[in-house]
Amino acid sequence: MKILITENKFKDAIKLSLKELGTEPTIDNVGGWENFCKVMNIEGFMDFLHLFDNLDIEQSEEKEHWTLFRYEKGNNLMIYDRKRKEVYINYPELWSFLDDKFDLTYPVIQGVTKKWLGEVYNLRGITTWRTN
């Protein structure tokens, strides 16, 4: 019996792996950063960010002015502090790739994440920061 895996199914499997395992293990599983970019058609930092366009959005149970962006409880990729209009972005899962793989500076990362969050999650007038 042959099993046909289409390119779209493979990409869907990688996106599922991002949700279940995280960014670094998923990249390792597909043979490293270059293979990951090739398979997922990542040509620039915005392509990478768009992999995270479908995060679950939850109200924090602990802080009434926090909105959490995540795939699973306890693994927040971003926290939006509505009171301060700040978004804290998980360094190991997102920010570090913009820094290390795309060689962007801190202020540039702030700018591109602000733009992305405005376009995808309709967050405007915010400041972004990295967090562990």
Foldseek 3Di string as FASTA:
>chain_A
DDDDQDLVNVLVVLLVCCQVPADVVSQVVQPHDVSVCVSQVPPALVSVVVSQLDFDWAQDPVDRQWIFTGSDPPDGQWIQRNVQQEIEGECVRRVVCCCPVVVDDPVVSQVVVQVSCCVRVVRPPHTYHYDD
